[in-house]
C-alpha cells in the first residue's frame, strides 16, 4: 500500500467497500501581535465540508474529534478510547483503508495519518495535493451528507515509540540517542518570530522546515529531494529522529516526508513548542527576551 495516493487512484477506488475517505479540512491562522510575536488559532472547517466534499467522504475536525480536550497543552492526540469512538462513528474499522484529504499543503492530513499509525492502523494514505488535485482532474463533489457504515470496529494498538513526552525529549537533549528536528520555519527556529511566552528552539535541535518538503501546489517533492534537504540541514535519515513544531501537527508532515525519503525511526514530540516554550523549567536557545535580559545585566 502506498501512503501517498493520487487523485486518479482515488477516482478508481472511491467506491471500494474498504476505502474510507476522510475530509480533514481546517486551518492554523497566525495573528501578528507586533514585535515578531504571533498568536495562532486552530480551526476545523465543517462549513467547507457542508458546501461540497468528495462523495462518500466523512469529516473529522482535527481540533476536536481526535484530540484530548482536557489536556493542558492544546491539540494533543486523544486517548485510545476517544480516538476509537471517533473512528467507528465515521465508519472506520481495522479493516478500512483510510485516505485523508486536506486543502492546505498536507499537514492536517498527515496529522491523522500519524495518529492512525500511532493507534496501530497502518492502512492509511494521504491524497497527493489534497482538494486542489481533486478539483484539477474534475473529481466529483457533493453536498449530500455521508451515512457511515454502522458495523465498523476500531481496536487501537498503541505504538508508544511513535510519540514522545517532554521528559523523553529532555533526556535525549542531555544524553543523545536521537536527532531533535525542529520542523517550523527558520524565523520561529531562530527566535525572530515567536508564539507564546518564549521564542527560540530546543537546545541542540536542527531546523528542517516541513513546508520545504512540499511544492507550491501542495504536492510532495520527490523522495530524493527531501533526502537532500535533510542532509543539507544536518539530518541523518539513517539515525533516529524526533520531530517537533508548534503543536505536534506540522511535525507529522515532516515525519511523512522523511519516511518517504527512507527514514524509519521517526517520533513525534506531540507537545512541541506549545508545551516546551511555556515550561520555564526547560531550556531554550534563541529566546530574544532572555538575550535582552542578559544584555541589561551586562
Protein backbone atom coordinates (compact mmCIF):
# COMPACT_ATOMS: atom_id res chain seq x y z
CA UNK A 1 0.00 0.00 0.00
CA UNK A 2 1.33 3.42 -0.98
CA UNK A 3 0.92 6.01 1.76
CA UNK A 4 0.64 8.73 -0.86
CA UNK A 5 -2.11 8.21 -3.44
CA UNK A 6 -3.08 10.36 -6.41
CA UNK A 7 -6.44 11.82 -7.31
CA UNK A 8 -6.52 9.48 -10.30
CA UNK A 9 -6.08 6.49 -7.99
CA UNK A 10 -8.86 7.74 -5.73
CA UNK A 11 -11.30 8.11 -8.63
CA UNK A 12 -10.69 4.46 -9.50
CA UNK A 13 -11.07 3.23 -5.91
CA UNK A 14 -13.55 5.72 -4.44
CA UNK A 15 -16.34 3.17 -4.13
CA UNK A 16 -14.24 0.23 -2.98
CA UNK A 17 -16.00 -1.22 0.04
CA UNK A 18 -12.99 -0.93 2.35
CA UNK A 19 -11.95 2.62 1.35
CA UNK A 20 -12.99 5.46 3.67
CA UNK A 21 -12.16 9.00 2.59
CA UNK A 22 -11.69 11.44 5.46
CA UNK A 23 -12.08 15.17 4.85
CA UNK A 24 -9.95 16.94 7.45
CA UNK A 25 -10.00 20.47 6.12
CA UNK A 26 -9.15 23.18 8.61
CA UNK A 27 -6.66 25.92 9.32
CA UNK A 28 -3.96 27.34 11.54
CA UNK A 29 -4.25 31.12 11.43
CA UNK A 30 -1.43 33.32 12.75
CA UNK A 31 -2.29 36.74 14.16
CA UNK A 32 0.53 39.32 14.20
CA UNK A 33 0.82 40.83 17.68
CA UNK A 34 3.77 43.06 16.78
CA UNK A 35 7.48 42.81 17.55
CA UNK A 36 7.63 39.39 15.91
CA UNK A 37 5.11 37.86 18.26
CA UNK A 38 2.23 35.79 16.95
CA UNK A 39 -0.89 34.12 18.22
CA UNK A 40 -2.24 31.01 16.50
CA UNK A 41 -5.87 29.99 16.15
CA UNK A 42 -6.69 26.37 15.32
CA UNK A 43 -9.93 25.58 13.50
CA UNK A 44 -11.69 22.77 11.70
CA UNK A 45 -13.78 23.68 8.67
CA UNK A 46 -17.03 21.70 8.75
CA UNK A 47 -18.60 24.53 6.74
CA UNK A 48 -16.36 23.65 3.79
CA UNK A 49 -17.42 20.03 4.05
CA UNK A 50 -21.08 21.06 4.10
CA UNK A 51 -20.66 23.18 0.97
CA UNK A 52 -19.04 20.41 -1.02
CA UNK A 53 -16.91 17.32 -0.48
CA UNK A 54 -15.72 14.15 -2.17
CA UNK A 55 -18.67 11.77 -2.48
CA UNK A 56 -18.79 9.26 0.36
CA UNK A 57 -16.25 11.13 2.47
CA UNK A 58 -16.68 11.76 6.19
CA UNK A 59 -15.50 14.80 8.12
CA UNK A 60 -13.12 14.96 11.07
CA UNK A 61 -12.48 18.20 12.98
CA UNK A 62 -8.78 17.98 13.77
CA UNK A 63 -9.18 20.41 16.70
CA UNK A 64 -11.91 18.44 18.49
CA UNK A 65 -12.53 14.92 17.24
CA UNK A 66 -9.08 13.35 17.58
CA UNK A 67 -7.58 15.40 20.42
CA UNK A 68 -7.63 15.33 24.20
CA UNK A 69 -9.91 18.26 25.02
CA UNK A 70 -8.89 18.09 28.70
CA UNK A 71 -5.14 18.27 28.12
CA UNK A 72 -3.21 21.26 29.43
CA UNK A 73 -1.48 21.53 26.03
CA UNK A 74 -3.77 22.04 23.06
CA UNK A 75 -4.00 19.64 20.11
CA UNK A 76 -2.67 16.58 21.95
CA UNK A 77 -3.76 13.27 20.46
CA UNK A 78 -6.88 11.76 22.03
CA UNK A 79 -6.90 8.74 24.31
CA UNK A 80 -7.24 5.39 22.54
CA UNK A 81 -10.85 5.10 23.73
CA UNK A 82 -11.88 8.52 22.44
CA UNK A 83 -9.96 8.05 19.21
CA UNK A 84 -11.53 4.64 18.56
CA UNK A 85 -15.01 6.04 19.11
CA UNK A 86 -14.34 8.85 16.64
CA UNK A 87 -13.19 6.34 14.04
CA UNK A 88 -16.14 3.99 14.50
CA UNK A 89 -18.63 6.86 14.31
CA UNK A 90 -17.23 7.61 10.87
CA UNK A 91 -17.32 4.04 9.67
CA UNK A 92 -13.60 3.43 10.07
CA UNK A 93 -12.63 -0.01 11.31
CA UNK A 94 -9.49 -2.07 11.49
CA UNK A 95 -10.28 -3.35 8.00
CA UNK A 96 -10.53 0.13 6.44
CA UNK A 97 -8.13 1.77 4.03
CA UNK A 98 -8.30 5.39 5.10
CA UNK A 99 -7.50 8.14 2.59
CA UNK A 100 -7.06 11.54 4.24
CA UNK A 101 -7.66 14.80 2.36
CA UNK A 102 -6.99 18.41 3.32
CA UNK A 103 -6.53 21.60 1.35
CA UNK A 104 -3.60 23.48 2.91
CA UNK A 105 -0.48 21.57 1.93
CA UNK A 106 -0.84 18.25 3.67
CA UNK A 107 -0.03 18.73 7.34
CA UNK A 108 -3.59 18.26 8.61
CA UNK A 109 -3.86 15.09 6.54
CA UNK A 110 -0.56 13.82 7.90
CA UNK A 111 -1.72 14.55 11.45
CA UNK A 112 -4.45 11.92 11.07
CA UNK A 113 -2.05 9.67 9.13
CA UNK A 114 0.33 9.79 12.09
CA UNK A 115 -2.43 9.43 14.70
CA UNK A 116 -3.83 6.34 12.98
CA UNK A 117 -0.39 4.76 12.82
CA UNK A 118 0.19 5.69 16.48
CA UNK A 119 -3.03 3.82 17.24
CA UNK A 120 -1.74 0.79 15.32
CA UNK A 121 -3.55 1.31 12.00
CA UNK A 122 -1.14 1.27 9.03
CA UNK A 123 -3.68 1.10 6.21
CA UNK A 124 -3.83 4.87 5.72
CA UNK A 125 -2.85 7.14 2.83
CA UNK A 126 -2.68 10.86 2.16
CA UNK A 127 -4.16 12.28 -1.03
CA UNK A 128 -1.37 13.88 -3.05
CA UNK A 129 -2.19 17.58 -3.49
CA UNK A 130 -5.41 17.33 -1.49
CA UNK A 131 -8.55 19.04 -2.73
CA UNK A 132 -6.59 21.13 -5.22
CA UNK A 133 -5.53 17.97 -7.05
CA UNK A 134 -9.04 16.52 -6.82
CA UNK A 135 -10.59 19.61 -8.39
CA UNK A 136 -7.84 19.82 -11.01
CA UNK A 137 -8.86 16.48 -12.53
CA UNK A 138 -12.57 17.27 -12.30
CA UNK A 139 -13.26 15.00 -9.34
CA UNK A 140 -16.90 14.87 -8.31
CA UNK A 141 -18.17 16.99 -5.41
CA UNK A 142 -21.39 16.73 -3.45
CA UNK A 143 -23.09 18.47 -0.56
CA UNK A 144 -25.01 15.32 0.37
CA UNK A 145 -24.06 14.10 3.85
CA UNK A 146 -22.46 10.68 4.08
CA UNK A 147 -24.03 7.89 6.10
CA UNK A 148 -21.07 5.96 7.54
CA UNK A 149 -21.17 2.18 7.80
CA UNK A 150 -22.58 1.18 11.18
CA UNK A 151 -20.64 -2.05 11.78
CA UNK A 152 -17.11 -0.60 11.95
CA UNK A 153 -14.91 -1.85 14.79
CA UNK A 154 -11.69 0.00 15.56
CA UNK A 155 -9.47 -1.59 18.20
CA UNK A 156 -6.38 0.55 18.95
CA UNK A 157 -2.94 -0.98 19.44
CA UNK A 158 -0.90 2.00 20.62
CA UNK A 159 2.72 2.27 19.49
CA UNK A 160 4.46 4.30 22.22
CA UNK A 161 7.61 4.64 20.13
CA UNK A 162 5.82 7.00 17.71
CA UNK A 163 5.10 9.65 20.34
CA UNK A 164 7.25 11.36 22.96
CA UNK A 165 6.63 13.44 26.07
CA UNK A 166 8.76 16.38 27.17
CA UNK A 167 10.70 14.21 29.62
CA UNK A 168 11.80 11.93 26.78
CA UNK A 169 12.97 14.87 24.69
CA UNK A 170 14.84 16.38 27.65
CA UNK A 171 16.65 13.08 28.18
CA UNK A 172 17.64 12.97 24.51
CA UNK A 173 18.78 16.58 24.64
CA UNK A 174 21.05 15.74 27.57
CA UNK A 175 22.23 12.24 26.69
CA UNK A 176 21.70 11.87 22.94
CA UNK A 177 20.27 8.82 21.26
CA UNK A 178 18.30 10.65 18.57
CA UNK A 179 18.35 13.81 16.49
CA UNK A 180 15.94 16.56 17.53
CA UNK A 181 14.49 18.20 14.42
CA UNK A 182 12.59 21.49 14.60
CA UNK A 183 10.18 21.49 11.64
CA UNK A 184 8.98 25.10 11.98
CA UNK A 185 10.13 27.87 9.67
CA UNK A 186 13.55 29.46 10.09
CA UNK A 187 12.19 32.59 11.77
CA UNK A 188 10.49 30.60 14.51
CA UNK A 189 13.57 28.43 14.98
CA UNK A 190 15.87 31.44 15.36
CA UNK A 191 13.51 33.32 17.68
CA UNK A 192 12.88 36.11 15.19
CA UNK A 193 9.19 35.26 15.50
CA UNK A 194 7.55 33.51 18.41
CA UNK A 195 4.29 32.08 19.62
CA UNK A 196 3.65 32.06 23.31
CA UNK A 197 5.85 33.12 26.20
CA UNK A 198 9.24 32.23 24.73
CA UNK A 199 10.87 32.06 21.34
CA UNK A 200 13.78 30.04 20.04
CA UNK A 201 14.17 26.28 19.93
CA UNK A 202 15.09 23.22 21.94
CA UNK A 203 18.86 23.22 22.55
CA UNK A 204 20.71 21.01 20.10
CA UNK A 205 17.86 20.88 17.60
CA UNK A 206 18.45 21.37 13.88
CA UNK A 207 16.00 23.15 11.61
CA UNK A 208 14.29 21.36 8.73
CA UNK A 209 11.05 23.21 7.83
CA UNK A 210 8.29 20.78 6.96
CA UNK A 211 6.91 23.12 4.31
CA UNK A 212 10.19 22.81 2.38
CA UNK A 213 9.18 19.24 1.52
CA UNK A 214 6.07 20.34 -0.38
CA UNK A 215 5.77 22.15 -3.71
CA UNK A 216 3.80 25.37 -4.13
CA UNK A 217 0.80 23.44 -5.48
CA UNK A 218 0.64 21.26 -2.38
CA UNK A 219 2.20 18.19 -3.99
CA UNK A 220 5.11 16.41 -2.33
CA UNK A 221 8.67 16.76 -3.53
CA UNK A 222 10.42 13.63 -4.71
CA UNK A 223 11.92 11.38 -2.04
CA UNK A 224 15.48 12.06 -3.18
CA UNK A 225 14.88 15.81 -2.98
CA UNK A 226 13.58 15.51 0.58
CA UNK A 227 16.55 13.32 1.47
CA UNK A 228 18.92 16.01 0.19
CA UNK A 229 17.04 18.70 2.13
CA UNK A 230 17.57 16.61 5.25
CA UNK A 231 21.28 16.16 4.54
CA UNK A 232 21.69 19.89 3.92
CA UNK A 233 20.00 20.61 7.26
CA UNK A 234 22.36 18.23 9.07
CA UNK A 235 19.86 15.39 9.50
CA UNK A 236 20.95 11.78 9.03
CA UNK A 237 17.89 9.82 7.90
CA UNK A 238 19.62 6.58 8.88
CA UNK A 239 19.55 7.59 12.55
CA UNK A 240 16.57 8.06 14.94
CA UNK A 241 14.72 11.37 14.60
CA UNK A 242 12.41 13.20 17.00
CA UNK A 243 10.41 15.91 15.23
CA UNK A 244 8.56 18.83 16.78
CA UNK A 245 6.82 22.02 15.65
CA UNK A 246 4.43 24.34 17.49
CA UNK A 247 1.70 21.84 18.26
CA UNK A 248 2.76 18.42 17.02
CA UNK A 249 0.86 18.81 13.75
CA UNK A 250 3.30 20.19 11.19
CA UNK A 251 5.89 17.81 12.65
CA UNK A 252 3.83 14.95 11.23
CA UNK A 253 4.23 16.47 7.77
CA UNK A 254 7.99 16.27 8.19
CA UNK A 255 7.72 12.73 9.53
CA UNK A 256 5.68 11.74 6.48
CA UNK A 257 8.21 13.33 4.12
CA UNK A 258 11.22 11.87 5.91
CA UNK A 259 9.67 8.42 5.86
CA UNK A 260 9.24 8.74 2.11
CA UNK A 261 12.92 9.73 1.97
CA UNK A 262 13.94 6.50 3.67
CA UNK A 263 13.95 7.33 7.39
CA UNK A 264 12.48 4.59 9.57
CA UNK A 265 12.90 5.67 13.20
CA UNK A 266 10.63 8.70 13.46
CA UNK A 267 8.92 10.02 16.57
CA UNK A 268 6.62 12.99 17.13
CA UNK A 269 7.04 15.19 20.22
CA UNK A 270 3.32 15.86 20.47
CA UNK A 271 3.51 18.73 22.97
CA UNK A 272 6.10 20.53 20.83
CA UNK A 273 6.64 24.26 21.38
CA UNK A 274 3.13 24.79 22.78
CA UNK A 275 4.40 22.82 25.77
CA UNK A 276 8.18 23.27 25.80
CA UNK A 277 8.06 27.04 25.27
CA UNK A 278 5.67 27.52 28.19
CA UNK A 279 7.68 25.45 30.66
CA UNK A 280 10.24 27.78 32.16
CA UNK A 281 11.98 24.83 33.79
CA UNK A 282 13.02 23.64 30.31
CA UNK A 283 15.96 25.25 28.47
CA UNK A 284 15.73 27.09 25.16
CA UNK A 285 18.15 28.57 22.66
CA UNK A 286 17.41 31.72 20.70
CA UNK A 287 14.90 33.39 23.02
CA UNK A 288 15.10 37.16 22.42
CA UNK A 289 13.77 38.13 25.84
CA UNK A 290 16.46 36.03 27.51
CA UNK A 291 19.11 37.75 25.40
CA UNK A 292 17.69 41.17 26.28
CA UNK A 293 17.72 40.26 29.97
CA UNK A 294 21.37 39.20 29.73
CA UNK A 295 22.24 42.44 27.92
CA UNK A 296 20.57 44.53 30.61
CA UNK A 297 22.66 42.81 33.29
CA UNK A 298 25.92 43.27 31.40
